[in-house]
Amino acid sequence: MHSLPEILDDYELLDAEERYRLLIDLGRDLEPMPEPLKTDATKVRGCSASVWVYPTRLDDGRLHFLADSNAAITKGIVALVLSAVQDRSPAEIAATDITAALEPFELGRQLSSNRTQGIPNMIALIQDTAQRLA
């Protein structure tokens, strides 16, 4: 997974259509999420598409998230959100202002409100998980 600054460097050079493709490619690059993990308990509420996020712990205590969506662009948005926090300690994730980290992408201007309405819920789920495990 690429870091958020690396993704932003590429994103800023692209036009609107290419930005969609970049997001879709980010989603394709996500680690596959096993079907049994796609349950009501891992489903993110408030998204127009189905989105699942499942936290795992690495041996050193860092959090690694598995995620998936049934919509390509939404899966890319999930990948973008995860790139801000993936494989960090719970304390680091809890302290990260993910919303601020995503602001340079101007997703609200690039995507429809239907596409972006679930982002706060994705962020809340990730940060709540990190706070609980910190």
Protein backbone atom coordinates (compact mmCIF):
# COMPACT_ATOMS: atom_id res chain seq x y z
CA MET A 1 0.00 0.00 0.00
CA HIS A 2 1.28 3.43 -0.97
CA SER A 3 1.56 6.21 1.59
CA LEU A 4 -0.93 9.06 1.53
CA PRO A 5 1.71 11.64 0.46
CA GLU A 6 2.77 9.40 -2.46
CA ILE A 7 -0.83 9.02 -3.58
CA LEU A 8 -1.42 12.77 -3.28
CA ASP A 9 1.64 13.51 -5.44
CA ASP A 10 0.11 11.42 -8.24
CA TYR A 11 -3.45 12.61 -7.61
CA GLU A 12 -2.58 16.29 -7.96
CA LEU A 13 -1.21 15.73 -11.47
CA LEU A 14 -4.40 14.13 -12.79
CA ASP A 15 -7.63 15.43 -14.25
CA ALA A 16 -11.01 14.41 -12.80
CA GLU A 17 -11.43 11.27 -14.92
CA GLU A 18 -7.90 10.08 -14.21
CA ARG A 19 -8.49 10.67 -10.49
CA TYR A 20 -11.43 8.26 -10.64
CA ARG A 21 -9.16 5.70 -12.27
CA LEU A 22 -6.51 6.22 -9.60
CA LEU A 23 -9.07 5.62 -6.85
CA ILE A 24 -10.34 2.49 -8.59
CA ASP A 25 -6.75 1.23 -8.94
CA LEU A 26 -6.15 1.84 -5.23
CA GLY A 27 -9.19 -0.30 -4.48
CA ARG A 28 -7.94 -3.08 -6.75
CA ASP A 29 -4.64 -3.07 -4.88
CA LEU A 30 -6.29 -3.72 -1.51
CA GLU A 31 -5.43 -7.00 0.10
CA PRO A 32 -8.33 -9.40 -0.51
CA MET A 33 -10.79 -9.62 2.37
CA PRO A 34 -12.04 -13.16 3.01
CA GLU A 35 -15.79 -13.51 2.44
CA PRO A 36 -16.44 -14.88 5.98
CA LEU A 37 -15.26 -11.54 7.40
CA LYS A 38 -17.91 -9.62 5.47
CA THR A 39 -20.56 -9.68 8.14
CA ASP A 40 -23.01 -7.26 9.68
CA ALA A 41 -20.48 -6.67 12.47
CA THR A 42 -17.79 -5.47 10.04
CA LYS A 43 -20.12 -3.47 7.79
CA VAL A 44 -19.72 0.31 7.81
CA ARG A 45 -23.06 2.02 8.33
CA GLY A 46 -24.19 5.01 6.31
CA CYS A 47 -22.42 4.18 3.06
CA SER A 48 -24.38 4.11 -0.18
CA ALA A 49 -22.42 1.00 -1.19
CA SER A 50 -21.64 -1.95 1.03
CA VAL A 51 -18.33 -1.45 2.85
CA TRP A 52 -16.63 -3.79 5.30
CA VAL A 53 -13.62 -3.02 7.49
CA TYR A 54 -11.97 -5.63 9.70
CA PRO A 55 -9.05 -4.85 12.03
CA THR A 56 -6.27 -7.34 12.69
CA ARG A 57 -3.26 -7.01 14.94
CA LEU A 58 0.26 -7.60 13.73
CA ASP A 59 2.72 -9.39 15.99
CA ASP A 60 4.18 -6.09 17.17
CA GLY A 61 0.74 -4.70 18.10
CA ARG A 62 0.24 -2.48 15.07
CA LEU A 63 -3.16 -2.54 13.40
CA HIS A 64 -3.67 -3.87 9.91
CA PHE A 65 -7.08 -3.39 8.34
CA LEU A 66 -8.75 -5.60 5.77
CA ALA A 67 -11.46 -3.87 3.77
CA ASP A 68 -13.73 -4.34 0.79
CA SER A 69 -16.69 -2.78 -0.97
CA ASN A 70 -19.11 -3.90 -3.64
CA ALA A 71 -18.49 -0.65 -5.57
CA ALA A 72 -15.15 0.01 -7.27
CA ILE A 73 -14.91 3.74 -6.51
CA THR A 74 -15.97 3.22 -2.89
CA LYS A 75 -13.37 0.50 -2.50
CA GLY A 76 -10.81 3.05 -3.71
CA ILE A 77 -12.01 5.56 -1.15
CA VAL A 78 -11.62 2.93 1.58
CA ALA A 79 -8.09 2.24 0.34
CA LEU A 80 -7.33 5.97 0.48
CA VAL A 81 -8.62 6.21 4.05
CA LEU A 82 -6.61 3.15 5.09
CA SER A 83 -3.43 4.52 3.53
CA ALA A 84 -3.48 7.21 6.24
CA VAL A 85 -3.36 4.65 9.07
CA GLN A 86 -2.44 1.19 7.82
CA ASP A 87 0.08 -0.76 9.93
CA ARG A 88 0.41 1.89 12.63
CA SER A 89 0.01 1.51 16.35
CA PRO A 90 -3.45 1.96 17.83
CA ALA A 91 -2.24 5.09 19.66
CA GLU A 92 -0.88 6.60 16.42
CA ILE A 93 -4.14 5.87 14.60
CA ALA A 94 -6.24 7.30 17.43
CA ALA A 95 -4.15 10.49 17.33
CA THR A 96 -4.30 10.86 13.53
CA ASP A 97 -6.72 13.41 12.12
CA ILE A 98 -7.72 11.30 9.14
CA THR A 99 -10.21 13.89 7.91
CA ALA A 100 -7.48 16.55 7.78
CA ALA A 101 -5.11 14.09 6.07
CA LEU A 102 -7.71 13.56 3.32
CA GLU A 103 -8.54 17.28 2.83
CA PRO A 104 -5.95 17.86 0.07
CA PHE A 105 -7.78 15.29 -2.06
CA GLU A 106 -10.93 17.47 -2.06
CA LEU A 107 -13.10 14.38 -2.34
CA GLY A 108 -16.25 16.43 -1.75
CA ARG A 109 -15.49 18.39 -4.92
CA GLN A 110 -14.32 15.40 -6.94
CA LEU A 111 -17.06 12.91 -6.10
CA SER A 112 -20.82 12.95 -5.64
CA SER A 113 -22.24 13.30 -2.14
CA ASN A 114 -23.47 9.70 -2.38
CA ARG A 115 -19.87 8.55 -2.84
CA THR A 116 -18.51 10.57 0.08
CA GLN A 117 -21.33 10.31 2.63
CA GLY A 118 -19.88 7.21 4.28
CA ILE A 119 -16.33 8.51 4.71
CA PRO A 120 -16.96 9.95 8.21
CA ASN A 121 -18.38 6.58 9.27
CA MET A 122 -15.34 4.72 7.90
CA ILE A 123 -13.06 7.08 9.77
CA ALA A 124 -15.09 6.77 12.99
CA LEU A 125 -15.00 2.96 12.83
CA ILE A 126 -11.22 2.94 12.33
CA GLN A 127 -10.56 5.48 15.08
CA ASP A 128 -12.99 3.88 17.53
CA THR A 129 -11.23 0.55 16.98
CA ALA A 130 -7.81 2.16 17.52
CA GLN A 131 -8.95 3.96 20.69
CA ARG A 132 -10.41 0.78 22.09
CA LEU A 133 -7.16 -1.11 21.45
CA ALA A 134 -4.75 1.69 22.47
